[in-house]
């Protein structure tokens, strides 16, 4: 998705959806994968998310870049 379109969507999105979309954009996770992530699957120390139920019914580890880490930490401190 071109950045211009993403910025327009993010401007109009409610705050919780905005954070969800930013995490999707920065991790490459699928919507369904992120919806199933539990806090115990998020490892901020090793900077990854453990996906237990992926599209292929397999487990995988997804690295978190600096932006994704910042968004997740923002969610933790906001709620």
N, C-alpha and C. Protein backbone atom coordinates (compact mmCIF):
# COMPACT_ATOMS: atom_id res chain seq x y z
N UNK A 1 0.85 -1.17 0.00
CA UNK A 1 0.00 0.00 0.00
C UNK A 1 0.90 1.23 0.00
N UNK A 2 0.67 2.15 -0.91
CA UNK A 2 1.48 3.38 -0.93
C UNK A 2 1.33 4.16 0.37
N UNK A 3 2.43 4.80 0.79
CA UNK A 3 2.42 5.53 2.05
C UNK A 3 1.35 6.61 2.10
N UNK A 4 1.07 7.28 0.99
CA UNK A 4 0.07 8.35 1.00
C UNK A 4 -1.30 7.82 1.40
N UNK A 5 -1.66 6.66 0.89
CA UNK A 5 -2.95 6.06 1.22
C UNK A 5 -2.97 5.64 2.69
N UNK A 6 -1.89 5.04 3.14
CA UNK A 6 -1.81 4.63 4.54
C UNK A 6 -1.97 5.83 5.46
N UNK A 7 -1.31 6.94 5.16
CA UNK A 7 -1.40 8.13 6.00
C UNK A 7 -2.83 8.67 6.04
N UNK A 8 -3.53 8.63 4.92
CA UNK A 8 -4.93 9.07 4.90
C UNK A 8 -5.80 8.17 5.77
N UNK A 9 -5.59 6.88 5.68
CA UNK A 9 -6.35 5.93 6.49
C UNK A 9 -6.06 6.15 7.98
N UNK A 10 -4.78 6.30 8.32
CA UNK A 10 -4.40 6.48 9.72
C UNK A 10 -4.97 7.77 10.31
N UNK A 11 -5.04 8.82 9.51
CA UNK A 11 -5.59 10.08 9.99
C UNK A 11 -7.05 9.94 10.40
N UNK A 12 -7.80 9.11 9.69
CA UNK A 12 -9.24 8.97 9.93
C UNK A 12 -9.59 7.84 10.90
N UNK A 13 -8.64 6.98 11.16
CA UNK A 13 -8.92 5.80 12.00
C UNK A 13 -9.01 6.18 13.48
N UNK A 14 -9.89 5.49 14.22
CA UNK A 14 -9.92 5.68 15.69
C UNK A 14 -8.57 5.27 16.28
N UNK A 15 -8.19 5.81 17.44
CA UNK A 15 -6.86 5.54 18.01
C UNK A 15 -6.50 4.07 18.14
N UNK A 16 -7.40 3.23 18.63
CA UNK A 16 -7.05 1.81 18.80
C UNK A 16 -6.81 1.13 17.46
N UNK A 17 -7.61 1.45 16.47
CA UNK A 17 -7.42 0.88 15.14
C UNK A 17 -6.13 1.40 14.52
N UNK A 18 -5.82 2.64 14.78
CA UNK A 18 -4.59 3.25 14.24
C UNK A 18 -3.37 2.46 14.73
N UNK A 19 -3.32 2.14 16.02
CA UNK A 19 -2.19 1.38 16.56
C UNK A 19 -2.14 -0.03 15.96
N UNK A 20 -3.29 -0.65 15.82
CA UNK A 20 -3.39 -1.99 15.22
C UNK A 20 -2.82 -1.96 13.80
N UNK A 21 -3.21 -0.96 13.02
CA UNK A 21 -2.74 -0.85 11.63
C UNK A 21 -1.24 -0.59 11.57
N UNK A 22 -0.74 0.22 12.48
CA UNK A 22 0.70 0.50 12.51
C UNK A 22 1.50 -0.75 12.82
N UNK A 23 1.00 -1.56 13.75
CA UNK A 23 1.70 -2.81 14.07
C UNK A 23 1.67 -3.76 12.88
N UNK A 24 0.53 -3.86 12.22
CA UNK A 24 0.44 -4.70 11.01
C UNK A 24 1.46 -4.25 9.98
N UNK A 25 1.52 -2.97 9.74
CA UNK A 25 2.41 -2.40 8.72
C UNK A 25 3.89 -2.69 9.03
N UNK A 26 4.23 -2.66 10.32
CA UNK A 26 5.64 -2.80 10.70
C UNK A 26 6.08 -4.22 11.01
N UNK A 27 5.16 -5.16 11.05
CA UNK A 27 5.54 -6.55 11.34
C UNK A 27 5.29 -7.51 10.18
N UNK A 28 4.37 -7.15 9.31
CA UNK A 28 4.00 -8.08 8.25
C UNK A 28 3.02 -9.15 8.70
N UNK A 29 2.54 -9.03 9.94
CA UNK A 29 1.55 -9.98 10.43
C UNK A 29 0.26 -9.86 9.63
N UNK A 30 -0.46 -10.94 9.53
CA UNK A 30 -1.79 -10.91 8.94
C UNK A 30 -2.77 -10.46 10.01
N UNK A 31 -3.89 -9.89 9.60
CA UNK A 31 -4.89 -9.40 10.55
C UNK A 31 -5.30 -10.50 11.52
N UNK A 32 -5.62 -11.66 11.00
CA UNK A 32 -6.05 -12.78 11.85
C UNK A 32 -4.98 -13.22 12.82
N UNK A 33 -3.71 -13.14 12.42
CA UNK A 33 -2.62 -13.51 13.31
C UNK A 33 -2.52 -12.52 14.47
N UNK A 34 -2.59 -11.24 14.16
CA UNK A 34 -2.48 -10.24 15.21
C UNK A 34 -3.67 -10.29 16.16
N UNK A 35 -4.84 -10.60 15.63
CA UNK A 35 -6.02 -10.71 16.48
C UNK A 35 -5.89 -11.84 17.50
N UNK A 36 -5.12 -12.87 17.17
CA UNK A 36 -4.97 -14.03 18.05
C UNK A 36 -3.79 -13.91 19.02
N UNK A 37 -2.97 -12.89 18.85
CA UNK A 37 -1.79 -12.73 19.71
C UNK A 37 -2.24 -12.39 21.13
N UNK A 38 -1.65 -13.09 22.08
CA UNK A 38 -1.87 -12.82 23.51
C UNK A 38 -0.63 -12.08 24.02
N UNK A 39 -0.78 -11.38 25.14
CA UNK A 39 0.37 -10.64 25.68
C UNK A 39 1.55 -11.57 25.96
N UNK A 40 1.28 -12.81 26.34
CA UNK A 40 2.37 -13.75 26.61
C UNK A 40 3.15 -14.11 25.35
N UNK A 41 2.59 -13.82 24.17
CA UNK A 41 3.27 -14.09 22.90
C UNK A 41 4.22 -12.96 22.49
N UNK A 42 4.13 -11.84 23.19
CA UNK A 42 4.95 -10.67 22.86
C UNK A 42 6.15 -10.65 23.79
N UNK A 43 7.34 -10.72 23.19
CA UNK A 43 8.57 -10.70 23.98
C UNK A 43 9.34 -9.43 23.63
N UNK A 44 9.18 -8.41 24.47
CA UNK A 44 9.84 -7.14 24.20
C UNK A 44 11.35 -7.23 24.39
N UNK A 45 11.77 -8.10 25.29
CA UNK A 45 13.21 -8.23 25.56
C UNK A 45 13.96 -8.77 24.34
N UNK A 46 13.41 -9.81 23.72
CA UNK A 46 14.07 -10.37 22.53
C UNK A 46 13.49 -9.79 21.23
N UNK A 47 12.55 -8.87 21.38
CA UNK A 47 11.98 -8.11 20.25
C UNK A 47 11.34 -8.99 19.19
N UNK A 48 10.41 -9.83 19.63
CA UNK A 48 9.66 -10.64 18.67
C UNK A 48 8.27 -10.97 19.19
N UNK A 49 7.42 -11.40 18.27
CA UNK A 49 6.09 -11.90 18.59
C UNK A 49 6.06 -13.36 18.15
N UNK A 50 5.56 -14.20 19.02
CA UNK A 50 5.42 -15.61 18.69
C UNK A 50 3.99 -15.82 18.16
N UNK A 51 3.89 -16.22 16.91
CA UNK A 51 2.59 -16.49 16.29
C UNK A 51 2.33 -17.98 16.42
N UNK A 52 1.30 -18.33 17.17
CA UNK A 52 1.01 -19.74 17.44
C UNK A 52 0.13 -20.38 16.38
N UNK A 53 -0.66 -19.58 15.70
CA UNK A 53 -1.62 -20.13 14.73
C UNK A 53 -1.58 -19.28 13.46
N UNK A 54 -0.68 -19.62 12.56
CA UNK A 54 -0.54 -18.84 11.32
C UNK A 54 -1.47 -19.40 10.23
N UNK A 55 -1.40 -18.78 9.09
CA UNK A 55 -2.23 -19.18 7.95
C UNK A 55 -2.01 -20.66 7.59
N UNK A 56 -0.79 -21.12 7.74
CA UNK A 56 -0.45 -22.51 7.39
C UNK A 56 -0.58 -23.45 8.57
N UNK A 57 -1.21 -22.99 9.66
CA UNK A 57 -1.38 -23.79 10.88
C UNK A 57 -0.04 -24.18 11.48
N UNK A 58 0.94 -23.32 11.32
CA UNK A 58 2.26 -23.54 11.90
C UNK A 58 2.56 -22.38 12.85
N UNK A 59 3.60 -22.56 13.64
CA UNK A 59 4.05 -21.50 14.53
C UNK A 59 5.23 -20.80 13.88
N UNK A 60 5.36 -19.51 14.18
CA UNK A 60 6.51 -18.77 13.67
C UNK A 60 6.81 -17.61 14.60
N UNK A 61 8.01 -17.09 14.47
CA UNK A 61 8.43 -15.95 15.26
C UNK A 61 8.61 -14.76 14.33
N UNK A 62 8.01 -13.64 14.70
CA UNK A 62 8.07 -12.44 13.87
C UNK A 62 8.89 -11.38 14.61
N UNK A 63 9.95 -10.89 13.98
CA UNK A 63 10.76 -9.86 14.63
C UNK A 63 10.01 -8.53 14.71
N UNK A 64 10.31 -7.76 15.75
CA UNK A 64 9.72 -6.44 15.92
C UNK A 64 10.77 -5.38 15.61
N UNK A 65 10.47 -4.51 14.66
CA UNK A 65 11.39 -3.42 14.39
C UNK A 65 11.17 -2.31 15.43
N UNK A 66 11.96 -1.26 15.37
CA UNK A 66 11.89 -0.20 16.38
C UNK A 66 10.51 0.45 16.42
N UNK A 67 9.90 0.65 15.27
CA UNK A 67 8.57 1.26 15.25
C UNK A 67 7.53 0.36 15.90
N UNK A 68 7.54 -0.92 15.57
CA UNK A 68 6.58 -1.85 16.16
C UNK A 68 6.75 -1.92 17.67
N UNK A 69 7.99 -1.95 18.12
CA UNK A 69 8.25 -1.95 19.57
C UNK A 69 7.66 -0.71 20.23
N UNK A 70 7.87 0.43 19.61
CA UNK A 70 7.36 1.69 20.16
C UNK A 70 5.84 1.68 20.22
N UNK A 71 5.18 1.18 19.19
CA UNK A 71 3.71 1.14 19.17
C UNK A 71 3.18 0.19 20.25
N UNK A 72 3.82 -0.96 20.39
CA UNK A 72 3.38 -1.93 21.39
C UNK A 72 3.60 -1.37 22.79
N UNK A 73 4.75 -0.76 23.02
CA UNK A 73 5.01 -0.16 24.33
C UNK A 73 4.00 0.95 24.63
N UNK A 74 3.62 1.69 23.61
CA UNK A 74 2.61 2.73 23.79
C UNK A 74 1.28 2.15 24.21
N UNK A 75 0.93 1.02 23.64
CA UNK A 75 -0.33 0.35 24.00
C UNK A 75 -0.27 -0.12 25.46
N UNK A 76 0.86 -0.70 25.82
CA UNK A 76 1.02 -1.22 27.19
C UNK A 76 0.84 -0.09 28.20
N UNK A 77 1.48 1.04 27.94
CA UNK A 77 1.43 2.15 28.91
C UNK A 77 0.12 2.90 28.87
N UNK A 78 -0.60 2.83 27.75
CA UNK A 78 -1.86 3.56 27.62
C UNK A 78 -3.03 2.82 28.27
N UNK A 79 -2.92 1.50 28.39
CA UNK A 79 -4.07 0.73 28.89
C UNK A 79 -3.71 0.04 30.13
